[in-house]
Amino acid sequence: MDGQVEVTNKQFQRHKLFTRELSMLMYGFGDTMSPLPESVDVLEDILVDYVNNMCVQAAKVSGRKNKVAVEDFKFILRKDPKKLARVEELLAMNKEIEVARTMF
């Protein structure tokens, strides 16, 4: 295959994975306490599409079959400094949490 990774873009069924969290986020950003379900569904569709597209792009960049690394996502986000900085911050916090867990 000459280092090429075959990626299929499958359609996934909606499972309302993030409904509760998105409702709370919407409230935190000024929406009502109980936002319209249609609004939450639209945001969830956008979120799932974004995450799916990021994973597909990372798989294309990866070069390893069926395996995506953190560096692949960093490479994809290299042109968006805010998102890349947030990824770095979350990775640093995760490392701190792991170190703290080993201490106890």
Protein backbone atom coordinates (compact mmCIF):
# COMPACT_ATOMS: atom_id res chain seq x y z
CA MET A 1 0.00 0.00 0.00
CA ASP A 2 3.06 2.28 -0.05
CA GLY A 3 2.39 3.80 3.39
CA GLN A 4 -1.12 4.89 2.45
CA VAL A 5 -3.88 4.36 4.98
CA GLU A 6 -7.35 3.56 3.73
CA VAL A 7 -9.92 5.50 5.73
CA THR A 8 -13.63 5.11 5.35
CA ASN A 9 -16.00 7.81 6.44
CA LYS A 10 -18.87 5.82 7.96
CA GLN A 11 -22.15 7.32 9.02
CA PHE A 12 -22.82 6.66 12.68
CA GLN A 13 -26.19 6.40 14.33
CA ARG A 14 -27.11 9.12 16.76
CA HIS A 15 -26.94 7.94 20.34
CA LYS A 16 -27.30 11.31 22.08
CA LEU A 17 -23.93 10.89 23.74
CA PHE A 18 -23.41 14.53 24.68
CA THR A 19 -26.95 15.81 25.21
CA ARG A 20 -26.63 16.50 28.92
CA GLU A 21 -23.17 18.08 28.66
CA LEU A 22 -24.14 20.25 25.70
CA SER A 23 -27.25 21.45 27.52
CA MET A 24 -25.11 22.49 30.48
CA LEU A 25 -22.60 24.20 28.18
CA MET A 26 -25.37 26.06 26.42
CA TYR A 27 -26.74 27.22 29.78
CA GLY A 28 -23.25 28.29 30.83
CA PHE A 29 -22.96 30.39 27.69
CA GLY A 30 -26.26 32.18 28.26
CA ASP A 31 -29.01 29.90 26.99
CA THR A 32 -32.00 28.91 29.10
CA MET A 33 -31.77 26.26 31.80
CA SER A 34 -33.45 23.76 29.46
CA PRO A 35 -32.51 24.59 25.86
CA LEU A 36 -34.63 23.33 22.99
CA PRO A 37 -33.87 19.69 22.17
CA GLU A 38 -33.55 20.62 18.51
CA SER A 39 -30.79 23.11 19.35
CA VAL A 40 -28.93 20.54 21.41
CA ASP A 41 -29.33 17.99 18.60
CA VAL A 42 -27.88 20.41 16.05
CA LEU A 43 -24.88 21.15 18.28
CA GLU A 44 -24.37 17.46 18.91
CA ASP A 45 -24.42 16.75 15.17
CA ILE A 46 -21.81 19.47 14.63
CA LEU A 47 -19.67 18.11 17.48
CA VAL A 48 -19.82 14.50 16.31
CA ASP A 49 -19.03 15.53 12.72
CA TYR A 50 -16.05 17.61 13.91
CA VAL A 51 -14.62 14.82 16.07
CA ASN A 52 -15.18 12.28 13.32
CA ASN A 53 -13.45 14.50 10.73
CA MET A 54 -10.51 15.11 13.08
CA CYS A 55 -10.10 11.37 13.61
CA VAL A 56 -10.26 10.69 9.88
CA GLN A 57 -7.63 13.38 9.20
CA ALA A 58 -5.41 12.01 11.97
CA ALA A 59 -5.71 8.50 10.53
CA LYS A 60 -4.71 9.79 7.10
CA VAL A 61 -1.67 11.57 8.52
CA SER A 62 -0.70 8.73 10.83
CA GLY A 63 0.94 6.32 8.44
CA ARG A 64 0.36 3.48 10.89
CA LYS A 65 -2.48 1.17 10.10
CA ASN A 66 -5.37 1.32 12.60
CA LYS A 67 -3.41 3.40 15.10
CA VAL A 68 -3.56 7.13 15.76
CA ALA A 69 -1.22 8.90 18.17
CA VAL A 70 -1.47 12.20 20.01
CA GLU A 71 1.22 13.60 17.72
CA ASP A 72 -1.08 13.03 14.74
CA PHE A 73 -3.73 15.28 16.29
CA LYS A 74 -1.08 17.87 17.17
CA PHE A 75 0.06 17.84 13.56
CA ILE A 76 -3.47 18.44 12.32
CA LEU A 77 -3.99 21.30 14.78
CA ARG A 78 -0.63 22.95 14.06
CA LYS A 79 -2.29 25.78 12.10
CA ASP A 80 -4.73 26.59 14.91
CA PRO A 81 -2.59 27.89 17.79
CA LYS A 82 -5.48 28.18 20.28
CA LYS A 83 -6.57 24.59 19.88
CA LEU A 84 -3.00 23.33 19.87
CA ALA A 85 -2.25 25.27 23.06
CA ARG A 86 -5.33 23.76 24.70
CA VAL A 87 -4.22 20.26 23.70
CA GLU A 88 -0.79 20.92 25.21
CA GLU A 89 -2.39 22.27 28.39
CA LEU A 90 -4.65 19.23 28.75
CA LEU A 91 -1.75 16.85 28.16
CA ALA A 92 0.31 18.63 30.83
CA MET A 93 -2.59 18.44 33.29
CA ASN A 94 -3.04 14.74 32.52
CA LYS A 95 0.63 14.13 33.25
CA GLU A 96 0.34 16.01 36.56
CA ILE A 97 -2.67 13.91 37.53
CA GLU A 98 -0.80 10.70 36.72
CA VAL A 99 2.15 11.81 38.85
CA ALA A 100 -0.18 12.72 41.72
CA ARG A 101 -1.87 9.30 41.54
CA THR A 102 1.45 7.49 41.77
CA MET A 103 2.27 9.43 44.95
CA PHE A 104 -0.76 8.00 46.76
